[in-house]
Protein backbone atom coordinates (compact mmCIF):
# COMPACT_ATOMS: atom_id res chain seq x y z
CA MET A 1 21.37 19.73 -29.30
CA SER A 2 21.07 16.22 -27.96
CA LYS A 3 22.57 17.24 -24.62
CA ASN A 4 20.11 20.10 -24.13
CA GLY A 5 17.25 17.86 -25.11
CA SER A 6 18.18 15.16 -22.61
CA LYS A 7 18.60 17.69 -19.81
CA GLN A 8 15.19 19.22 -20.51
CA GLU A 9 13.67 15.74 -20.48
CA VAL A 10 15.09 15.00 -17.03
CA ASN A 11 13.93 18.31 -15.52
CA SER A 12 10.41 17.84 -16.82
CA LYS A 13 10.06 14.78 -14.61
CA THR A 14 11.22 16.32 -11.34
CA ALA A 15 7.64 17.19 -10.29
CA ARG A 16 6.08 13.76 -9.96
CA LYS A 17 2.36 13.20 -9.62
CA ILE A 18 0.86 10.53 -7.38
CA LEU A 19 -2.79 9.47 -7.17
CA ILE A 20 -4.01 8.55 -3.69
CA SER A 21 -7.22 6.52 -3.90
CA GLN A 22 -8.65 8.05 -0.72
CA PRO A 23 -10.40 11.29 0.22
CA LYS A 24 -8.20 14.31 0.85
CA PRO A 25 -7.24 14.59 4.55
CA GLU A 26 -9.23 17.21 6.41
CA SER A 27 -6.36 18.28 8.66
CA GLU A 28 -3.57 20.43 7.25
CA ARG A 29 -1.25 18.62 9.65
CA SER A 30 -1.58 15.39 7.69
CA PRO A 31 1.80 13.75 6.98
CA TYR A 32 0.78 13.57 3.32
CA PHE A 33 1.07 17.36 3.05
CA ASP A 34 4.46 17.29 4.78
CA LEU A 35 5.52 14.75 2.16
CA GLU A 36 4.29 17.00 -0.63
CA ARG A 37 6.37 19.94 0.62
CA LYS A 38 9.44 17.84 1.38
CA HIS A 39 9.72 16.31 -2.09
CA ASN A 40 8.01 19.02 -4.16
CA VAL A 41 5.56 16.47 -5.51
CA GLU A 42 1.87 16.74 -6.39
CA LEU A 43 -0.47 14.39 -4.53
CA VAL A 44 -3.95 14.02 -6.00
CA PHE A 45 -6.61 12.60 -3.67
CA HIS A 46 -9.67 10.94 -5.14
CA PRO A 47 -11.62 8.09 -3.49
CA PHE A 48 -11.97 5.04 -5.72
CA ILE A 49 -14.89 3.71 -3.66
CA VAL A 50 -17.95 5.12 -1.98
CA LEU A 51 -19.19 3.64 1.29
CA GLU A 52 -22.89 3.16 1.80
CA GLY A 53 -24.11 2.51 5.30
CA ILE A 54 -26.49 -0.40 5.75
CA PRO A 55 -29.71 0.88 7.38
CA ALA A 56 -30.52 -0.34 10.87
CA ARG A 57 -33.67 -2.08 9.62
CA ASP A 58 -31.56 -4.19 7.24
CA PHE A 59 -28.91 -4.87 9.86
CA ARG A 60 -31.56 -6.32 12.17
CA LYS A 61 -32.09 -9.08 9.61
CA GLN A 62 -28.62 -10.39 10.50
CA LYS A 63 -29.98 -11.11 14.00
CA ILE A 64 -26.85 -9.94 15.80
CA ASP A 65 -26.99 -8.77 19.39
CA VAL A 66 -24.06 -6.35 19.40
CA GLN A 67 -24.06 -6.02 23.18
CA GLN A 68 -23.27 -9.72 23.57
CA TYR A 69 -19.79 -9.25 22.12
CA SER A 70 -16.89 -8.20 24.34
CA GLY A 71 -14.24 -7.75 21.63
CA ILE A 72 -14.74 -5.66 18.49
CA ILE A 73 -12.35 -6.05 15.52
CA PHE A 74 -11.68 -3.02 13.31
CA THR A 75 -9.52 -3.00 10.17
CA SER A 76 -10.32 0.56 9.10
CA ARG A 77 -11.62 3.90 10.32
CA ASN A 78 -14.69 3.37 8.15
CA ALA A 79 -15.57 0.29 10.18
CA ILE A 80 -15.35 2.37 13.37
CA ASP A 81 -17.59 5.10 11.91
CA HIS A 82 -20.29 2.63 10.90
CA PHE A 83 -20.11 0.62 14.12
CA PHE A 84 -20.90 3.66 16.24
CA ARG A 85 -23.41 4.93 13.67
CA MET A 86 -25.24 1.63 13.87
CA SER A 87 -25.07 1.63 17.67
CA GLU A 88 -26.66 5.07 17.68
CA GLU A 89 -29.39 4.11 15.21
CA LEU A 90 -30.20 1.01 17.26
CA LYS A 91 -29.95 3.09 20.46
CA LEU A 92 -27.41 0.68 21.93
CA SER A 93 -25.20 1.43 24.89
CA ILE A 94 -21.73 -0.07 24.43
CA ALA A 95 -20.25 -1.41 27.68
CA GLN A 96 -17.25 0.51 29.01
CA ASP A 97 -15.23 -2.68 29.44
CA THR A 98 -15.59 -3.60 25.73
CA LYS A 99 -12.21 -4.33 24.14
CA TYR A 100 -11.24 -3.10 20.69
CA PHE A 101 -8.71 -4.84 18.43
CA CYS A 102 -7.38 -2.69 15.59
CA ILE A 103 -5.20 -3.33 12.57
CA THR A 104 -2.94 -0.30 13.13
CA GLU A 105 -2.19 2.29 15.79
CA ALA A 106 -3.70 4.99 13.56
CA VAL A 107 -7.01 3.10 13.46
CA ALA A 108 -6.85 2.55 17.22
CA LEU A 109 -6.27 6.25 17.91
CA TYR A 110 -9.31 7.09 15.78
CA LEU A 111 -11.42 5.50 18.52
CA GLN A 112 -10.80 8.63 20.61
CA LYS A 113 -13.53 10.26 18.53
CA PHE A 114 -16.10 7.92 20.13
CA ILE A 115 -14.76 6.53 23.42
CA LEU A 116 -12.53 7.34 26.34
CA TYR A 117 -9.26 5.88 25.08
CA ARG A 118 -7.67 3.45 27.52
CA LYS A 119 -4.71 1.23 26.74
CA ARG A 120 -6.12 -1.68 28.71
CA LYS A 121 -9.09 -1.95 26.35
CA VAL A 122 -7.65 -0.82 23.00
CA PHE A 123 -5.16 -3.11 21.24
CA TYR A 124 -3.39 -3.03 17.88
CA GLY A 125 -0.71 -4.89 15.97
CA ALA A 126 2.95 -3.90 16.19
CA ASP A 127 3.56 -3.40 12.48
CA GLY A 128 0.14 -2.98 10.88
CA THR A 129 -0.07 -6.49 9.44
CA ASN A 130 -2.89 -8.99 9.94
CA LYS A 131 -0.47 -11.32 11.68
CA SER A 132 0.54 -8.78 14.30
CA MET A 133 -3.10 -7.99 15.11
CA LEU A 134 -4.02 -11.67 15.23
CA ASP A 135 -1.10 -12.30 17.59
CA VAL A 136 -2.73 -9.83 19.98
CA ILE A 137 -6.17 -11.40 19.54
CA ASN A 138 -4.63 -14.81 20.22
CA LYS A 139 -3.84 -13.71 23.78
CA HIS A 140 -7.51 -12.91 24.41
CA LYS A 141 -9.32 -15.56 22.36
CA GLU A 142 -10.29 -17.72 25.34
CA ALA A 143 -11.95 -14.91 27.25
CA GLU A 144 -13.57 -12.79 24.54
CA LYS A 145 -16.44 -13.07 22.10
CA PHE A 146 -15.49 -11.23 18.92
CA LEU A 147 -17.49 -9.12 16.49
CA TYR A 148 -15.68 -8.41 13.21
CA VAL A 149 -17.17 -5.24 11.69
CA CYS A 150 -16.75 -5.31 7.91
CA SER A 151 -18.22 -4.48 4.53
CA GLU A 152 -21.05 -6.55 3.11
CA ASN A 153 -19.03 -7.21 -0.05
CA GLN A 154 -15.50 -7.15 1.33
CA GLN A 155 -14.11 -9.14 4.24
CA ASP A 156 -10.52 -10.01 4.98
CA SER A 157 -10.34 -13.74 4.22
CA GLU A 158 -7.11 -14.13 6.17
CA ILE A 159 -8.69 -12.78 9.35
CA CYS A 160 -11.84 -14.86 8.90
CA SER A 161 -9.83 -18.04 8.30
CA TRP A 162 -7.65 -17.43 11.34
CA LEU A 163 -10.62 -16.85 13.64
CA LYS A 164 -12.27 -20.00 12.36
CA ASN A 165 -9.17 -22.20 12.46
CA ASN A 166 -8.31 -21.05 15.97
CA LYS A 167 -11.85 -21.82 17.15
CA CYS A 168 -12.62 -18.27 18.24
CA ASP A 169 -16.15 -17.33 19.16
CA PHE A 170 -16.81 -14.69 16.49
CA GLN A 171 -19.42 -13.20 14.19
CA LEU A 172 -19.19 -11.07 11.05
CA ALA A 173 -21.22 -7.87 11.25
CA TYR A 174 -22.02 -6.27 7.89
CA MET A 175 -22.64 -2.58 8.63
CA TYR A 176 -21.75 -0.98 5.28
CA ARG A 177 -21.08 -1.82 1.65
CA THR A 178 -18.59 -0.52 -0.93
CA ILE A 179 -19.55 0.88 -4.33
CA SER A 180 -17.19 1.80 -7.16
CA ASN A 181 -16.77 5.56 -7.52
CA ASP A 182 -16.56 7.46 -10.82
CA ILE A 183 -12.83 7.97 -11.39
CA LYS A 184 -12.89 8.55 -15.16
CA PRO A 185 -12.44 12.36 -14.99
CA VAL A 186 -9.36 11.96 -12.81
CA LEU A 187 -7.54 9.27 -14.76
CA GLN A 188 -8.47 10.47 -18.25
CA LYS A 189 -6.97 13.94 -17.79
CA ASN A 190 -3.70 13.10 -16.09
CA ASP A 191 -0.81 10.67 -16.20
CA TYR A 192 0.43 9.51 -12.82
CA ASP A 193 3.79 8.11 -11.83
CA MET A 194 2.15 6.13 -9.02
CA ILE A 195 -1.30 4.98 -7.89
CA CYS A 196 -1.85 3.97 -4.26
CA PHE A 197 -4.52 1.38 -3.41
CA PHE A 198 -5.89 0.73 0.07
CA THR A 199 -8.62 -1.86 -0.48
CA PRO A 200 -9.43 -4.66 -2.96
CA SER A 201 -12.57 -2.67 -3.79
CA GLY A 202 -10.33 0.16 -5.00
CA VAL A 203 -8.71 -2.19 -7.50
CA LYS A 204 -12.16 -3.38 -8.59
CA SER A 205 -13.23 0.24 -9.07
CA LEU A 206 -10.28 0.86 -11.39
CA LEU A 207 -11.32 -2.10 -13.55
CA ASP A 208 -14.99 -1.12 -13.42
CA ASN A 209 -14.09 2.33 -14.79
CA PHE A 210 -11.33 1.17 -17.14
CA PRO A 211 -11.75 -2.52 -18.08
CA ASP A 212 -8.78 -2.27 -20.48
CA PHE A 213 -6.51 -0.28 -18.16
CA LYS A 214 -2.83 -0.56 -19.12
CA GLN A 215 -0.21 -0.01 -16.42
CA ASN A 216 2.43 1.30 -18.85
CA GLY A 217 5.13 1.69 -16.20
CA THR A 218 2.93 3.31 -13.55
CA VAL A 219 4.12 2.25 -10.09
CA LEU A 220 1.34 0.55 -8.13
CA THR A 221 1.38 0.35 -4.33
CA ALA A 222 -1.04 -1.57 -2.12
CA PHE A 223 -1.85 -1.45 1.57
CA GLY A 224 -2.61 -4.83 3.13
CA SER A 225 -2.24 -8.40 1.95
CA ASN A 226 -5.74 -8.61 0.44
CA THR A 227 -5.25 -5.42 -1.54
CA SER A 228 -1.86 -6.66 -2.75
CA LYS A 229 -3.44 -9.92 -3.87
CA ALA A 230 -6.17 -8.02 -5.74
CA VAL A 231 -3.55 -6.00 -7.66
CA VAL A 232 -1.61 -9.12 -8.65
CA ASP A 233 -4.77 -11.09 -9.50
CA ALA A 234 -5.81 -8.26 -11.82
CA GLY A 235 -2.64 -8.92 -13.81
CA PHE A 236 -0.74 -5.80 -12.71
CA ASN A 237 2.83 -5.51 -11.48
CA LEU A 238 2.88 -4.63 -7.77
CA GLU A 239 6.05 -2.74 -6.95
CA ILE A 240 5.45 -1.65 -3.34
CA GLN A 241 3.54 -3.57 -0.66
CA VAL A 242 2.63 -1.90 2.63
CA PRO A 243 3.02 -2.42 5.51
CA SER A 244 6.45 -3.95 6.00
CA PRO A 245 9.22 -3.49 8.58
CA GLN A 246 10.88 -0.98 6.24
CA ARG A 247 7.60 0.67 5.20
CA PRO A 248 5.15 0.62 8.14
CA SER A 249 2.76 3.06 6.44
CA MET A 250 1.85 4.35 3.00
CA VAL A 251 3.43 7.70 3.87
CA ALA A 252 6.71 5.95 4.74
CA ALA A 253 6.58 4.01 1.47
CA LEU A 254 6.04 7.19 -0.54
CA ASP A 255 8.85 8.94 1.31
CA GLN A 256 11.28 6.17 0.37
CA PHE A 257 10.09 6.11 -3.23
CA LEU A 258 10.41 9.88 -3.67
CA ALA A 259 13.86 9.90 -2.09
CA LYS A 260 15.22 7.74 -4.92
CA PRO A 261 16.97 9.51 -7.81
CA ILE A 262 14.74 9.96 -10.84
CA VAL A 263 15.54 7.65 -13.74
CA ASN A 264 14.18 8.83 -17.08
CA LYS A 265 14.32 6.08 -19.67
CA ALA A 266 13.93 8.44 -22.63
CA ALA A 267 16.75 10.70 -21.46
CA THR A 268 18.98 7.70 -20.77
CA LYS A 269 18.35 6.40 -24.28
CA VAL A 270 19.27 9.79 -25.84
CA ALA A 271 22.41 10.03 -23.70
CA ASN A 272 23.50 6.54 -24.71
CA LYS A 273 23.14 7.38 -28.39
CA ALA A 274 25.14 10.59 -28.00
CA ALA A 275 28.00 8.90 -26.14
CA PRO A 276 31.05 8.00 -28.27
CA LYS A 277 31.49 4.36 -29.09
CA THR A 278 34.23 2.53 -27.27
CA ALA A 279 37.32 1.53 -29.22
CA PRO A 280 37.56 -2.06 -30.44
CA LYS A 281 39.14 -4.43 -28.00
CA ALA A 282 41.85 -5.40 -30.48
CA ALA A 283 42.96 -1.77 -30.85
CA SER A 284 43.15 -1.21 -27.11
CA LYS A 285 45.49 -4.11 -26.54
CA ALA A 286 49.20 -3.33 -26.51
CA PRO A 287 51.31 -5.33 -29.03
CA LYS A 288 53.03 -8.33 -27.57
CA LYS A 289 56.79 -8.15 -27.27
CA ALA A 290 58.73 -10.48 -29.52
CA VAL A 291 60.39 -13.26 -27.63
CA SER A 292 63.80 -14.33 -28.87
CA LYS A 293 64.24 -18.06 -28.85
CA ALA A 294 67.98 -18.03 -29.60
CA PRO A 295 69.18 -16.76 -26.23
CA VAL A 296 67.05 -19.34 -24.52
CA LYS A 297 68.77 -22.13 -26.43
CA LYS A 298 72.23 -20.75 -25.60
CA ALA A 299 71.33 -20.47 -21.97
CA ALA A 300 70.23 -24.05 -22.04
CA LYS A 301 73.58 -25.16 -23.45
CA ALA A 302 75.45 -23.21 -20.85
CA THR A 303 73.78 -25.13 -18.07
CA LYS A 304 74.87 -28.49 -19.32
């Protein structure tokens, strides 16, 4: 009975469920769907934050002349969307020789939606980290004037500090703001083996919706150093940080996680109880052979 019970417990966990705190990809060719088929896992997509574009009339209050900047810094596709939205609302023509510095190759490739993609004017970091992007910016800091497009209530402090400490000519451009989304229906109905965060605002949204949220063994992953810091600062255990040399993307991190054998604590506990106890150490030891002292004495006399 205990064996059947433990086996059933293990099989019930083979179909793992992971919550991705982003909108569902529009393209069926998304690597997330390949991952789902490869590992027979259920991925649930639900954005933890909602982006609200700042109207052009409010942006004008920042008194930023976008056309005066020769290098634009993007850390997300959302920043790209709102930069070109704002340019359209302000009826601005972006110079063809403008350079774009992106956090990842995926973000850089997204520029193809708005511009003629040319390698000599689009740059990105080697491994998706802030450091790798800033290394690229460092090569151009003397010649370029940078505009960092970001959220009104969320900027990457590491990037801002680096630009300031390295005496770059830069300006923050607030073109959108983040608002916590309603995630109660998603998290109240289901238990997830993993939750993937992509922004500090996503972590804030979780706490806004569930102030007393308990991790209870749920694996938390975070993309980016600021997001990782937000998870840790919230008092949670961060198990997977992306990107890294071994995990350059969230998809790669999930692939590695899902490839690991499933460990079910409840089943392991049942199996341990059912296993026979090991024999006492004293019983397992063979009896020591009796050593005769007499022959030793005789041998000693013979040598004299």
